[in-house]
């Protein structure tokens, strides 16, 4: 069985890039895993700061503030779950089908938990 490879060039991602099995989670290098963890920690810090700012302006009880707060909470939840998957050793695999998530997809959305095919199936 040959080892999947990741293209050396970076460019626009095609649907094929987003659904391929080129780099299973167990093949992430320590440097790649550390970089993805650092991105997740940075996103968590940003979302916590964002929620603190939104809660400080809680007297604004308008629809926009409520939508922003809900979106920030959802994003924080996704990031926290991704960090938990990293700790558990399941990070980088689709939570629905178990296929490996391509490195390119993880680099764009480090909190992603599903492959493009399962995400699309869930939305239809």
PDB file of N, CA and C in Angstrom:
ATOM      1  N   UNK A   1       0.849  -1.180   0.000  1.00  0.00           N
ATOM      2  CA  UNK A   1       0.000   0.000   0.000  1.00  0.00           C
ATOM      3  C   UNK A   1       0.886   1.232   0.000  1.00  0.00           C
ATOM      4  N   UNK A   2       0.665   2.147  -0.902  1.00  0.00           N
ATOM      5  CA  UNK A   2       1.503   3.336  -0.998  1.00  0.00           C
ATOM      6  C   UNK A   2       1.015   4.410  -0.033  1.00  0.00           C
ATOM      7  N   UNK A   3       1.926   5.270   0.363  1.00  0.00           N
ATOM      8  CA  UNK A   3       1.603   6.363   1.265  1.00  0.00           C
ATOM      9  C   UNK A   3       1.002   7.515   0.476  1.00  0.00           C
ATOM     10  N   UNK A   4      -0.162   8.047   0.906  1.00  0.00           N
ATOM     11  CA  UNK A   4      -0.744   9.195   0.207  1.00  0.00           C
ATOM     12  C   UNK A   4       0.195  10.389   0.279  1.00  0.00           C
ATOM     13  N   UNK A   5       0.135  11.219  -0.721  1.00  0.00           N
ATOM     14  CA  UNK A   5       0.982  12.407  -0.742  1.00  0.00           C
ATOM     15  C   UNK A   5       0.142  13.655  -0.812  1.00  0.00           C
ATOM     16  N   UNK A   6       0.721  14.737  -0.367  1.00  0.00           N
ATOM     17  CA  UNK A   6       0.073  16.045  -0.434  1.00  0.00           C
ATOM     18  C   UNK A   6       0.777  16.824  -1.514  1.00  0.00           C
ATOM     19  N   UNK A   7       0.045  17.495  -2.423  1.00  0.00           N
ATOM     20  CA  UNK A   7       0.702  18.267  -3.470  1.00  0.00           C
ATOM     21  C   UNK A   7       1.605  19.340  -2.869  1.00  0.00           C
ATOM     22  N   UNK A   8       2.723  19.575  -3.523  1.00  0.00           N
ATOM     23  CA  UNK A   8       3.678  20.567  -3.034  1.00  0.00           C
ATOM     24  C   UNK A   8       3.177  21.984  -3.213  1.00  0.00           C
ATOM     25  N   UNK A   9       2.318  22.193  -4.180  1.00  0.00           N
ATOM     26  CA  UNK A   9       1.844  23.548  -4.440  1.00  0.00           C
ATOM     27  C   UNK A   9       0.588  23.839  -3.650  1.00  0.00           C
ATOM     28  N   UNK A  10       0.397  25.090  -3.324  1.00  0.00           N
ATOM     29  CA  UNK A  10      -0.812  25.542  -2.639  1.00  0.00           C
ATOM     30  C   UNK A  10      -1.556  26.440  -3.603  1.00  0.00           C
ATOM     31  N   UNK A  11      -2.831  26.262  -3.709  1.00  0.00           N
ATOM     32  CA  UNK A  11      -3.608  27.077  -4.619  1.00  0.00           C
ATOM     33  C   UNK A  11      -5.076  26.954  -4.283  1.00  0.00           C
ATOM     34  N   UNK A  12      -5.890  27.191  -5.261  1.00  0.00           N
ATOM     35  CA  UNK A  12      -7.325  27.096  -5.076  1.00  0.00           C
ATOM     36  C   UNK A  12      -7.709  25.643  -4.870  1.00  0.00           C
ATOM     37  N   UNK A  13      -8.535  25.402  -3.862  1.00  0.00           N
ATOM     38  CA  UNK A  13      -8.979  24.049  -3.598  1.00  0.00           C
ATOM     39  C   UNK A  13     -10.163  23.705  -4.481  1.00  0.00           C
ATOM     40  N   UNK A  14     -10.125  22.521  -5.022  1.00  0.00           N
ATOM     41  CA  UNK A  14     -11.233  22.017  -5.817  1.00  0.00           C
ATOM     42  C   UNK A  14     -12.027  21.045  -4.954  1.00  0.00           C
ATOM     43  N   UNK A  15     -13.239  20.672  -5.367  1.00  0.00           N
ATOM     44  CA  UNK A  15     -13.983  19.679  -4.590  1.00  0.00           C
ATOM     45  C   UNK A  15     -13.186  18.396  -4.378  1.00  0.00           C
ATOM     46  N   UNK A  16     -12.345  18.021  -5.352  1.00  0.00           N
ATOM     47  CA  UNK A  16     -11.524  16.832  -5.207  1.00  0.00           C
ATOM     48  C   UNK A  16     -10.550  16.973  -4.037  1.00  0.00           C
ATOM     49  N   UNK A  17      -9.966  18.156  -3.869  1.00  0.00           N
ATOM     50  CA  UNK A  17      -9.069  18.387  -2.747  1.00  0.00           C
ATOM     51  C   UNK A  17      -9.793  18.191  -1.418  1.00  0.00           C
ATOM     52  N   UNK A  18     -11.035  18.628  -1.368  1.00  0.00           N
ATOM     53  CA  UNK A  18     -11.768  18.621  -0.106  1.00  0.00           C
ATOM     54  C   UNK A  18     -12.296  17.251   0.272  1.00  0.00           C
ATOM     55  N   UNK A  19     -12.301  16.307  -0.637  1.00  0.00           N
ATOM     56  CA  UNK A  19     -12.836  14.989  -0.323  1.00  0.00           C
ATOM     57  C   UNK A  19     -11.798  13.884  -0.454  1.00  0.00           C
ATOM     58  N   UNK A  20     -10.580  14.200  -0.797  1.00  0.00           N
ATOM     59  CA  UNK A  20      -9.578  13.164  -1.002  1.00  0.00           C
ATOM     60  C   UNK A  20      -9.065  12.633   0.325  1.00  0.00           C
ATOM     61  N   UNK A  21      -8.410  11.499   0.258  1.00  0.00           N
ATOM     62  CA  UNK A  21      -7.846  10.858   1.449  1.00  0.00           C
ATOM     63  C   UNK A  21      -6.320  10.966   1.432  1.00  0.00           C
ATOM     64  N   UNK A  22      -5.795  12.068   0.977  1.00  0.00           N
ATOM     65  CA  UNK A  22      -4.360  12.161   0.789  1.00  0.00           C
ATOM     66  C   UNK A  22      -3.533  12.123   2.053  1.00  0.00           C
ATOM     67  N   UNK A  23      -4.027  12.625   3.161  1.00  0.00           N
ATOM     68  CA  UNK A  23      -3.200  12.673   4.366  1.00  0.00           C
ATOM     69  C   UNK A  23      -4.044  12.297   5.583  1.00  0.00           C
ATOM     70  N   UNK A  24      -4.142  11.002   5.890  1.00  0.00           N
ATOM     71  CA  UNK A  24      -4.908  10.606   7.067  1.00  0.00           C
ATOM     72  C   UNK A  24      -4.371  11.269   8.327  1.00  0.00           C
ATOM     73  N   UNK A  25      -5.244  11.410   9.302  1.00  0.00           N
ATOM     74  CA  UNK A  25      -4.887  12.098  10.545  1.00  0.00           C
ATOM     75  C   UNK A  25      -3.653  11.490  11.194  1.00  0.00           C
ATOM     76  N   UNK A  26      -3.533  10.197  11.137  1.00  0.00           N
ATOM     77  CA  UNK A  26      -2.391   9.552  11.784  1.00  0.00           C
ATOM     78  C   UNK A  26      -1.090   9.843  11.059  1.00  0.00           C
ATOM     79  N   UNK A  27      -1.156  10.456   9.897  1.00  0.00           N
ATOM     80  CA  UNK A  27       0.048  10.813   9.163  1.00  0.00           C
ATOM     81  C   UNK A  27       0.411  12.284   9.304  1.00  0.00           C
ATOM     82  N   UNK A  28      -0.326  13.044  10.085  1.00  0.00           N
ATOM     83  CA  UNK A  28       0.071  14.430  10.323  1.00  0.00           C
ATOM     84  C   UNK A  28       1.400  14.417  11.058  1.00  0.00           C
ATOM     85  N   UNK A  29       2.293  15.261  10.610  1.00  0.00           N
ATOM     86  CA  UNK A  29       3.576  15.347  11.316  1.00  0.00           C
ATOM     87  C   UNK A  29       3.359  16.095  12.628  1.00  0.00           C
ATOM     88  N   UNK A  30       4.258  15.940  13.580  1.00  0.00           N
ATOM     89  CA  UNK A  30       4.128  16.707  14.815  1.00  0.00           C
ATOM     90  C   UNK A  30       4.069  18.212  14.553  1.00  0.00           C
ATOM     91  N   UNK A  31       4.827  18.693  13.578  1.00  0.00           N
ATOM     92  CA  UNK A  31       4.808  20.129  13.256  1.00  0.00           C
ATOM     93  C   UNK A  31       3.429  20.545  12.718  1.00  0.00           C
ATOM     94  N   UNK A  32       2.841  19.725  11.854  1.00  0.00           N
ATOM     95  CA  UNK A  32       1.513  20.040  11.325  1.00  0.00           C
ATOM     96  C   UNK A  32       0.477  20.025  12.441  1.00  0.00           C
ATOM     97  N   UNK A  33       0.537  19.004  13.293  1.00  0.00           N
ATOM     98  CA  UNK A  33      -0.402  18.901  14.404  1.00  0.00           C
ATOM     99  C   UNK A  33      -0.245  20.097  15.348  1.00  0.00           C
ATOM    100  N   UNK A  34       0.991  20.488  15.645  1.00  0.00           N
ATOM    101  CA  UNK A  34       1.232  21.644  16.519  1.00  0.00           C
ATOM    102  C   UNK A  34       0.720  22.935  15.896  1.00  0.00           C
ATOM    103  N   UNK A  35       0.920  23.075  14.588  1.00  0.00           N
ATOM    104  CA  UNK A  35       0.432  24.269  13.901  1.00  0.00           C
ATOM    105  C   UNK A  35      -1.092  24.332  13.949  1.00  0.00           C
ATOM    106  N   UNK A  36      -1.748  23.212  13.695  1.00  0.00           N
ATOM    107  CA  UNK A  36      -3.208  23.183  13.734  1.00  0.00           C
ATOM    108  C   UNK A  36      -3.725  23.438  15.147  1.00  0.00           C
ATOM    109  N   UNK A  37      -3.044  22.885  16.157  1.00  0.00           N
ATOM    110  CA  UNK A  37      -3.446  23.137  17.547  1.00  0.00           C
ATOM    111  C   UNK A  37      -3.297  24.623  17.881  1.00  0.00           C
ATOM    112  N   UNK A  38      -2.200  25.231  17.435  1.00  0.00           N
ATOM    113  CA  UNK A  38      -1.984  26.660  17.697  1.00  0.00           C
ATOM    114  C   UNK A  38      -3.081  27.494  17.039  1.00  0.00           C
ATOM    115  N   UNK A  39      -3.495  27.122  15.837  1.00  0.00           N
ATOM    116  CA  UNK A  39      -4.585  27.848  15.165  1.00  0.00           C
ATOM    117  C   UNK A  39      -5.890  27.713  15.947  1.00  0.00           C
ATOM    118  N   UNK A  40      -6.152  26.510  16.446  1.00  0.00           N
ATOM    119  CA  UNK A  40      -7.372  26.290  17.225  1.00  0.00           C
ATOM    120  C   UNK A  40      -7.348  27.078  18.532  1.00  0.00           C
ATOM    121  N   UNK A  41      -6.215  27.082  19.198  1.00  0.00           N
ATOM    122  CA  UNK A  41      -6.096  27.842  20.450  1.00  0.00           C
ATOM    123  C   UNK A  41      -6.290  29.325  20.181  1.00  0.00           C
ATOM    124  N   UNK A  42      -5.723  29.815  19.086  1.00  0.00           N
ATOM    125  CA  UNK A  42      -5.907  31.221  18.710  1.00  0.00           C
ATOM    126  C   UNK A  42      -7.374  31.520  18.419  1.00  0.00           C
ATOM    127  N   UNK A  43      -8.045  30.617  17.721  1.00  0.00           N
ATOM    128  CA  UNK A  43      -9.469  30.815  17.432  1.00  0.00           C
ATOM    129  C   UNK A  43     -10.295  30.792  18.714  1.00  0.00           C
ATOM    130  N   UNK A  44      -9.934  29.899  19.645  1.00  0.00           N
ATOM    131  CA  UNK A  44     -10.668  29.840  20.912  1.00  0.00           C
ATOM    132  C   UNK A  44     -10.513  31.149  21.677  1.00  0.00           C
ATOM    133  N   UNK A  45      -9.286  31.659  21.720  1.00  0.00           N
ATOM    134  CA  UNK A  45      -9.026  32.926  22.406  1.00  0.00           C
ATOM    135  C   UNK A  45      -9.825  34.069  21.766  1.00  0.00           C
ATOM    136  N   UNK A  46      -9.841  34.109  20.432  1.00  0.00           N
ATOM    137  CA  UNK A  46     -10.599  35.134  19.713  1.00  0.00           C
ATOM    138  C   UNK A  46     -12.085  35.048  20.047  1.00  0.00           C
ATOM    139  N   UNK A  47     -12.641  33.831  20.009  1.00  0.00           N
ATOM    140  CA  UNK A  47     -14.076  33.671  20.283  1.00  0.00           C
ATOM    141  C   UNK A  47     -14.423  34.025  21.725  1.00  0.00           C
ATOM    142  N   UNK A  48     -13.559  33.682  22.666  1.00  0.00           N
ATOM    143  CA  UNK A  48     -13.808  34.055  24.063  1.00  0.00           C
ATOM    144  C   UNK A  48     -13.795  35.572  24.222  1.00  0.00           C
ATOM    145  N   UNK A  49     -12.834  36.229  23.589  1.00  0.00           N
ATOM    146  CA  UNK A  49     -12.778  37.701  23.631  1.00  0.00           C
ATOM    147  C   UNK A  49     -14.006  38.304  22.949  1.00  0.00           C
ATOM    148  N   UNK A  50     -14.405  37.721  21.831  1.00  0.00           N
ATOM    149  CA  UNK A  50     -15.574  38.210  21.110  1.00  0.00           C
ATOM    150  C   UNK A  50     -16.825  38.092  21.978  1.00  0.00           C
ATOM    151  N   UNK A  51     -17.000  36.952  22.634  1.00  0.00           N
ATOM    152  CA  UNK A  51     -18.168  36.767  23.501  1.00  0.00           C
ATOM    153  C   UNK A  51     -18.139  37.719  24.682  1.00  0.00           C
ATOM    154  N   UNK A  52     -16.960  37.959  25.250  1.00  0.00           N
ATOM    155  CA  UNK A  52     -16.848  38.900  26.371  1.00  0.00           C
ATOM    156  C   UNK A  52     -17.274  40.294  25.932  1.00  0.00           C
ATOM    157  N   UNK A  53     -16.850  40.698  24.743  1.00  0.00           N
ATOM    158  CA  UNK A  53     -17.239  42.005  24.219  1.00  0.00           C
ATOM    159  C   UNK A  53     -18.728  42.091  23.946  1.00  0.00           C
ATOM    160  N   UNK A  54     -19.293  41.029  23.412  1.00  0.00           N
ATOM    161  CA  UNK A  54     -20.732  41.022  23.137  1.00  0.00           C
ATOM    162  C   UNK A  54     -21.545  41.037  24.437  1.00  0.00           C
ATOM    163  N   UNK A  55     -21.065  40.315  25.432  1.00  0.00           N
ATOM    164  CA  UNK A  55     -21.769  40.285  26.719  1.00  0.00           C
ATOM    165  C   UNK A  55     -21.626  41.609  27.461  1.00  0.00           C
ATOM    166  N   UNK A  56     -20.503  42.300  27.249  1.00  0.00           N
ATOM    167  CA  UNK A  56     -20.324  43.613  27.874  1.00  0.00           C
ATOM    168  C   UNK A  56     -21.337  44.609  27.318  1.00  0.00           C
ATOM    169  N   UNK A  57     -21.730  44.422  26.083  1.00  0.00           N
ATOM    170  CA  UNK A  57     -22.732  45.282  25.470  1.00  0.00           C
ATOM    171  C   UNK A  57     -24.103  44.620  25.490  1.00  0.00           C
ATOM    172  N   UNK A  58     -24.371  43.822  26.529  1.00  0.00           N
ATOM    173  CA  UNK A  58     -25.598  43.031  26.601  1.00  0.00           C
ATOM    174  C   UNK A  58     -26.871  43.878  26.637  1.00  0.00           C
ATOM    175  N   UNK A  59     -26.728  45.165  26.980  1.00  0.00           N
ATOM    176  CA  UNK A  59     -27.929  46.004  26.994  1.00  0.00           C
ATOM    177  C   UNK A  59     -28.506  46.163  25.600  1.00  0.00           C
ATOM    178  N   UNK A  60     -27.666  45.912  24.583  1.00  0.00           N
ATOM    179  CA  UNK A  60     -28.159  45.909  23.200  1.00  0.00           C
ATOM    180  C   UNK A  60     -28.861  44.583  22.969  1.00  0.00           C
ATOM    181  N   UNK A  61     -30.117  44.580  23.112  1.00  0.00           N
ATOM    182  CA  UNK A  61     -30.886  43.353  22.960  1.00  0.00           C
ATOM    183  C   UNK A  61     -31.540  43.298  21.585  1.00  0.00           C
ATOM    184  N   UNK A  62     -30.753  43.595  20.573  1.00  0.00           N
ATOM    185  CA  UNK A  62     -31.320  43.574  19.229  1.00  0.00           C
ATOM    186  C   UNK A  62     -30.997  42.256  18.527  1.00  0.00           C
ATOM    187  N   UNK A  63     -31.628  42.063  17.420  1.00  0.00           N
ATOM    188  CA  UNK A  63     -31.502  40.819  16.669  1.00  0.00           C
ATOM    189  C   UNK A  63     -30.070  40.581  16.185  1.00  0.00           C
ATOM    190  N   UNK A  64     -29.386  41.638  15.803  1.00  0.00           N
ATOM    191  CA  UNK A  64     -28.005  41.498  15.310  1.00  0.00           C
ATOM    192  C   UNK A  64     -27.087  41.022  16.423  1.00  0.00           C
ATOM    193  N   UNK A  65     -27.183  41.621  17.597  1.00  0.00           N
ATOM    194  CA  UNK A  65     -26.346  41.215  18.725  1.00  0.00           C
ATOM    195  C   UNK A  65     -26.629  39.769  19.108  1.00  0.00           C
ATOM    196  N   UNK A  66     -27.879  39.372  19.085  1.00  0.00           N
ATOM    197  CA  UNK A  66     -28.234  37.990  19.412  1.00  0.00           C
ATOM    198  C   UNK A  66     -27.670  37.019  18.380  1.00  0.00           C
ATOM    199  N   UNK A  67     -27.727  37.387  17.119  1.00  0.00           N
ATOM    200  CA  UNK A  67     -27.185  36.541  16.052  1.00  0.00           C
ATOM    201  C   UNK A  67     -25.668  36.412  16.166  1.00  0.00           C
ATOM    202  N   UNK A  68     -24.998  37.531  16.441  1.00  0.00           N
ATOM    203  CA  UNK A  68     -23.541  37.496  16.606  1.00  0.00           C
ATOM    204  C   UNK A  68     -23.143  36.628  17.794  1.00  0.00           C
ATOM    205  N   UNK A  69     -23.870  36.748  18.888  1.00  0.00           N
ATOM    206  CA  UNK A  69     -23.572  35.954  20.078  1.00  0.00           C
ATOM    207  C   UNK A  69     -23.786  34.469  19.797  1.00  0.00           C
ATOM    208  N   UNK A  70     -24.873  34.125  19.140  1.00  0.00           N
ATOM    209  CA  UNK A  70     -25.147  32.718  18.816  1.00  0.00           C
ATOM    210  C   UNK A  70     -24.075  32.149  17.892  1.00  0.00           C
ATOM    211  N   UNK A  71     -23.663  32.931  16.896  1.00  0.00           N
ATOM    212  CA  UNK A  71     -22.631  32.476  15.968  1.00  0.00           C
ATOM    213  C   UNK A  71     -21.286  32.305  16.675  1.00  0.00           C
ATOM    214  N   UNK A  72     -20.943  33.226  17.564  1.00  0.00           N
ATOM    215  CA  UNK A  72     -19.684  33.129  18.303  1.00  0.00           C
ATOM    216  C   UNK A  72     -19.690  31.910  19.223  1.00  0.00           C
ATOM    217  N   UNK A  73     -20.829  31.642  19.869  1.00  0.00           N
ATOM    218  CA  UNK A  73     -20.933  30.457  20.739  1.00  0.00           C
ATOM    219  C   UNK A  73     -20.805  29.168  19.935  1.00  0.00           C
ATOM    220  N   UNK A  74     -21.435  29.131  18.770  1.00  0.00           N
ATOM    221  CA  UNK A  74     -21.345  27.943  17.918  1.00  0.00           C
ATOM    222  C   UNK A  74     -19.913  27.717  17.449  1.00  0.00           C
ATOM    223  N   UNK A  75     -19.241  28.783  17.053  1.00  0.00           N
ATOM    224  CA  UNK A  75     -17.846  28.671  16.604  1.00  0.00           C
ATOM    225  C   UNK A  75     -16.946  28.221  17.753  1.00  0.00           C
ATOM    226  N   UNK A  76     -17.165  28.770  18.939  1.00  0.00           N
ATOM    227  CA  UNK A  76     -16.384  28.367  20.118  1.00  0.00           C
ATOM    228  C   UNK A  76     -16.616  26.890  20.421  1.00  0.00           C
ATOM    229  N   UNK A  77     -17.843  26.439  20.306  1.00  0.00           N
ATOM    230  CA  UNK A  77     -18.169  25.031  20.530  1.00  0.00           C
ATOM    231  C   UNK A  77     -17.406  24.144  19.547  1.00  0.00           C
ATOM    232  N   UNK A  78     -17.401  24.507  18.259  1.00  0.00           N
ATOM    233  CA  UNK A  78     -16.694  23.734  17.235  1.00  0.00           C
ATOM    234  C   UNK A  78     -15.197  23.675  17.508  1.00  0.00           C
ATOM    235  N   UNK A  79     -14.621  24.796  17.912  1.00  0.00           N
ATOM    236  CA  UNK A  79     -13.184  24.857  18.198  1.00  0.00           C
ATOM    237  C   UNK A  79     -12.858  23.998  19.418  1.00  0.00           C
ATOM    238  N   UNK A  80     -13.673  24.104  20.457  1.00  0.00           N
ATOM    239  CA  UNK A  80     -13.445  23.319  21.674  1.00  0.00           C
ATOM    240  C   UNK A  80     -13.534  21.821  21.377  1.00  0.00           C
ATOM    241  N   UNK A  81     -14.517  21.434  20.571  1.00  0.00           N
ATOM    242  CA  UNK A  81     -14.641  20.027  20.198  1.00  0.00           C
ATOM    243  C   UNK A  81     -13.441  19.550  19.377  1.00  0.00           C
ATOM    244  N   UNK A  82     -12.926  20.401  18.498  1.00  0.00           N
ATOM    245  CA  UNK A  82     -11.752  20.028  17.704  1.00  0.00           C
ATOM    246  C   UNK A  82     -10.549  19.801  18.611  1.00  0.00           C
ATOM    247  N   UNK A  83     -10.371  20.658  19.608  1.00  0.00           N
ATOM    248  CA  UNK A  83      -9.267  20.472  20.555  1.00  0.00           C
ATOM    249  C   UNK A  83      -9.448  19.179  21.356  1.00  0.00           C
ATOM    250  N   UNK A  84     -10.685  18.844  21.703  1.00  0.00           N
ATOM    251  CA  UNK A  84     -10.952  17.585  22.406  1.00  0.00           C
ATOM    252  C   UNK A  84     -10.631  16.385  21.513  1.00  0.00           C
ATOM    253  N   UNK A  85     -11.011  16.471  20.227  1.00  0.00           N
ATOM    254  CA  UNK A  85     -10.694  15.383  19.301  1.00  0.00           C
ATOM    255  C   UNK A  85      -9.185  15.217  19.163  1.00  0.00           C
ATOM    256  N   UNK A  86      -8.469  16.333  19.196  1.00  0.00           N
ATOM    257  CA  UNK A  86      -7.012  16.268  19.126  1.00  0.00           C
ATOM    258  C   UNK A  86      -6.463  15.511  20.338  1.00  0.00           C
ATOM    259  N   UNK A  87      -6.975  15.847  21.509  1.00  0.00           N
ATOM    260  CA  UNK A  87      -6.527  15.196  22.743  1.00  0.00           C
ATOM    261  C   UNK A  87      -6.878  13.707  22.755  1.00  0.00           C
ATOM    262  N   UNK A  88      -8.023  13.352  22.155  1.00  0.00           N
ATOM    263  CA  UNK A  88      -8.488  11.964  22.125  1.00  0.00           C
ATOM    264  C   UNK A  88      -7.842  11.148  21.012  1.00  0.00           C
ATOM    265  N   UNK A  89      -7.213  11.826  20.054  1.00  0.00           N
ATOM    266  CA  UNK A  89      -6.569  11.129  18.951  1.00  0.00           C
ATOM    267  C   UNK A  89      -7.451  10.904  17.735  1.00  0.00           C
ATOM    268  N   UNK A  90      -8.648  11.480  17.717  1.00  0.00           N
ATOM    269  CA  UNK A  90      -9.531  11.298  16.560  1.00  0.00           C
ATOM    270  C   UNK A  90      -9.546  12.507  15.637  1.00  0.00           C
ATOM    271  N   UNK A  91      -8.756  13.530  15.952  1.00  0.00           N
ATOM    272  CA  UNK A  91      -8.716  14.743  15.134  1.00  0.00           C
ATOM    273  C   UNK A  91      -8.230  14.400  13.733  1.00  0.00           C
ATOM    274  N   UNK A  92      -8.885  14.982  12.739  1.00  0.00           N
ATOM    275  CA  UNK A  92      -8.476  14.787  11.357  1.00  0.00           C
ATOM    276  C   UNK A  92      -9.251  13.695  10.654  1.00  0.00           C
ATOM    277  N   UNK A  93     -10.146  13.024  11.372  1.00  0.00           N
ATOM    278  CA  UNK A  93     -11.016  12.019  10.771  1.00  0.00           C
ATOM    279  C   UNK A  93     -12.449  12.537  10.794  1.00  0.00           C
ATOM    280  N   UNK A  94     -13.204  12.230   9.759  1.00  0.00           N
ATOM    281  CA  UNK A  94     -14.599  12.657   9.679  1.00  0.00           C
ATOM    282  C   UNK A  94     -15.387  12.011  10.818  1.00  0.00           C
ATOM    283  N   UNK A  95     -16.121  12.816  11.557  1.00  0.00           N
ATOM    284  CA  UNK A  95     -16.916  12.314  12.675  1.00  0.00           C
ATOM    285  C   UNK A  95     -18.073  11.450  12.198  1.00  0.00           C
ATOM    286  N   UNK A  96     -18.469  11.572  10.936  1.00  0.00           N
ATOM    287  CA  UNK A  96     -19.604  10.807  10.425  1.00  0.00           C
ATOM    288  C   UNK A  96     -19.174   9.488   9.775  1.00  0.00           C
ATOM    289  N   UNK A  97     -18.176   9.543   8.899  1.00  0.00           N
ATOM    290  CA  UNK A  97     -17.809   8.336   8.142  1.00  0.00           C
ATOM    291  C   UNK A  97     -16.430   7.778   8.502  1.00  0.00           C
ATOM    292  N   UNK A  98     -15.625   8.557   9.211  1.00  0.00           N
ATOM    293  CA  UNK A  98     -14.308   8.091   9.629  1.00  0.00           C
ATOM    294  C   UNK A  98     -13.198   8.295   8.623  1.00  0.00           C
ATOM    295  N   UNK A  99     -13.536   8.790   7.414  1.00  0.00           N
ATOM    296  CA  UNK A  99     -12.486   9.042   6.418  1.00  0.00           C
ATOM    297  C   UNK A  99     -11.552  10.137   6.904  1.00  0.00           C
ATOM    298  N   UNK A 100     -10.324  10.080   6.445  1.00  0.00           N
ATOM    299  CA  UNK A 100      -9.351  11.111   6.789  1.00  0.00           C
ATOM    300  C   UNK A 100      -9.737  12.425   6.126  1.00  0.00           C
ATOM    301  N   UNK A 101      -9.599  13.511   6.867  1.00  0.00           N
ATOM    302  CA  UNK A 101      -9.823  14.852   6.316  1.00  0.00           C
ATOM    303  C   UNK A 101      -8.506  15.322   5.705  1.00  0.00           C
ATOM    304  N   UNK A 102      -8.527  15.827   4.484  1.00  0.00           N
ATOM    305  CA  UNK A 102      -7.296  16.292   3.847  1.00  0.00           C
ATOM    306  C   UNK A 102      -6.656  17.443   4.629  1.00  0.00           C
ATOM    307  N   UNK A 103      -5.344  17.463   4.629  1.00  0.00           N
ATOM    308  CA  UNK A 103      -4.604  18.523   5.318  1.00  0.00           C
ATOM    309  C   UNK A 103      -5.055  19.897   4.838  1.00  0.00           C
ATOM    310  N   UNK A 104      -5.289  20.039   3.534  1.00  0.00           N
ATOM    311  CA  UNK A 104      -5.715  21.333   2.986  1.00  0.00           C
ATOM    312  C   UNK A 104      -7.008  21.808   3.652  1.00  0.00           C
ATOM    313  N   UNK A 105      -7.931  20.880   3.899  1.00  0.00           N
ATOM    314  CA  UNK A 105      -9.205  21.226   4.537  1.00  0.00           C
ATOM    315  C   UNK A 105      -8.971  21.621   5.994  1.00  0.00           C
ATOM    316  N   UNK A 106      -8.113  20.880   6.672  1.00  0.00           N
ATOM    317  CA  UNK A 106      -7.805  21.201   8.072  1.00  0.00           C
ATOM    318  C   UNK A 106      -7.086  22.545   8.194  1.00  0.00           C
ATOM    319  N   UNK A 107      -6.224  22.851   7.239  1.00  0.00           N
ATOM    320  CA  UNK A 107      -5.528  24.138   7.278  1.00  0.00           C
ATOM    321  C   UNK A 107      -6.491  25.302   7.093  1.00  0.00           C
ATOM    322  N   UNK A 108      -7.499  25.119   6.249  1.00  0.00           N
ATOM    323  CA  UNK A 108      -8.490  26.180   6.023  1.00  0.00           C
ATOM    324  C   UNK A 108      -9.472  26.283   7.184  1.00  0.00           C
ATOM    325  N   UNK A 109      -9.909  25.147   7.691  1.00  0.00           N
ATOM    326  CA  UNK A 109     -10.919  25.087   8.748  1.00  0.00           C
ATOM    327  C   UNK A 109     -10.461  24.087   9.805  1.00  0.00           C
ATOM    328  N   UNK A 110      -9.534  24.467  10.667  1.00  0.00           N
ATOM    329  CA  UNK A 110      -8.987  23.488  11.610  1.00  0.00           C
ATOM    330  C   UNK A 110     -10.027  22.900  12.554  1.00  0.00           C
ATOM    331  N   UNK A 111     -11.180  23.547  12.696  1.00  0.00           N
ATOM    332  CA  UNK A 111     -12.215  23.044  13.589  1.00  0.00           C
ATOM    333  C   UNK A 111     -13.175  22.084  12.896  1.00  0.00           C
ATOM    334  N   UNK A 112     -13.006  21.845  11.596  1.00  0.00           N
ATOM    335  CA  UNK A 112     -13.929  21.021  10.829  1.00  0.00           C
ATOM    336  C   UNK A 112     -13.980  19.600  11.401  1.00  0.00           C
ATOM    337  N   UNK A 113     -15.197  19.031  11.417  1.00  0.00           N
ATOM    338  CA  UNK A 113     -15.345  17.684  11.964  1.00  0.00           C
ATOM    339  C   UNK A 113     -15.868  16.680  10.942  1.00  0.00           C
ATOM    340  N   UNK A 114     -16.258  17.152   9.767  1.00  0.00           N
ATOM    341  CA  UNK A 114     -16.804  16.260   8.750  1.00  0.00           C
ATOM    342  C   UNK A 114     -16.132  16.508   7.403  1.00  0.00           C
ATOM    343  N   UNK A 115     -16.075  15.457   6.618  1.00  0.00           N
ATOM    344  CA  UNK A 115     -15.560  15.611   5.261  1.00  0.00           C
ATOM    345  C   UNK A 115     -16.620  16.349   4.424  1.00  0.00           C
ATOM    346  N   UNK A 116     -16.211  16.818   3.276  1.00  0.00           N
ATOM    347  CA  UNK A 116     -17.119  17.596   2.424  1.00  0.00           C
ATOM    348  C   UNK A 116     -18.335  16.767   2.017  1.00  0.00           C
ATOM    349  N   UNK A 117     -18.142  15.482   1.731  1.00  0.00           N
ATOM    350  CA  UNK A 117     -19.263  14.649   1.305  1.00  0.00           C
ATOM    351  C   UNK A 117     -20.284  14.480   2.422  1.00  0.00           C
ATOM    352  N   UNK A 118     -19.841  14.219   3.644  1.00  0.00           N
ATOM    353  CA  UNK A 118     -20.772  14.055   4.763  1.00  0.00           C
ATOM    354  C   UNK A 118     -21.432  15.376   5.124  1.00  0.00           C
ATOM    355  N   UNK A 119     -20.701  16.460   5.049  1.00  0.00           N
ATOM    356  CA  UNK A 119     -21.286  17.772   5.315  1.00  0.00           C
ATOM    357  C   UNK A 119     -22.382  18.081   4.302  1.00  0.00           C
ATOM    358  N   UNK A 120     -22.111  17.785   3.045  1.00  0.00           N
ATOM    359  CA  UNK A 120     -23.095  18.034   2.000  1.00  0.00           C
ATOM    360  C   UNK A 120     -24.326  17.143   2.197  1.00  0.00           C
ATOM    361  N   UNK A 121     -24.115  15.880   2.562  1.00  0.00           N
ATOM    362  CA  UNK A 121     -25.235  14.967   2.822  1.00  0.00           C
ATOM    363  C   UNK A 121     -26.094  15.453   3.976  1.00  0.00           C
ATOM    364  N   UNK A 122     -25.468  15.992   5.011  1.00  0.00           N
ATOM    365  CA  UNK A 122     -26.205  16.465   6.174  1.00  0.00           C
ATOM    366  C   UNK A 122     -27.035  17.710   5.852  1.00  0.00           C
ATOM    367  N   UNK A 123     -26.599  18.480   4.863  1.00  0.00           N
ATOM    368  CA  UNK A 123     -27.289  19.713   4.519  1.00  0.00           C
ATOM    369  C   UNK A 123     -28.430  19.497   3.539  1.00  0.00           C
ATOM    370  N   UNK A 124     -28.508  18.306   2.938  1.00  0.00           N
ATOM    371  CA  UNK A 124     -29.576  18.039   1.969  1.00  0.00           C
ATOM    372  C   UNK A 124     -30.636  17.141   2.552  1.00  0.00           C
TER     373      UNK A 124
END
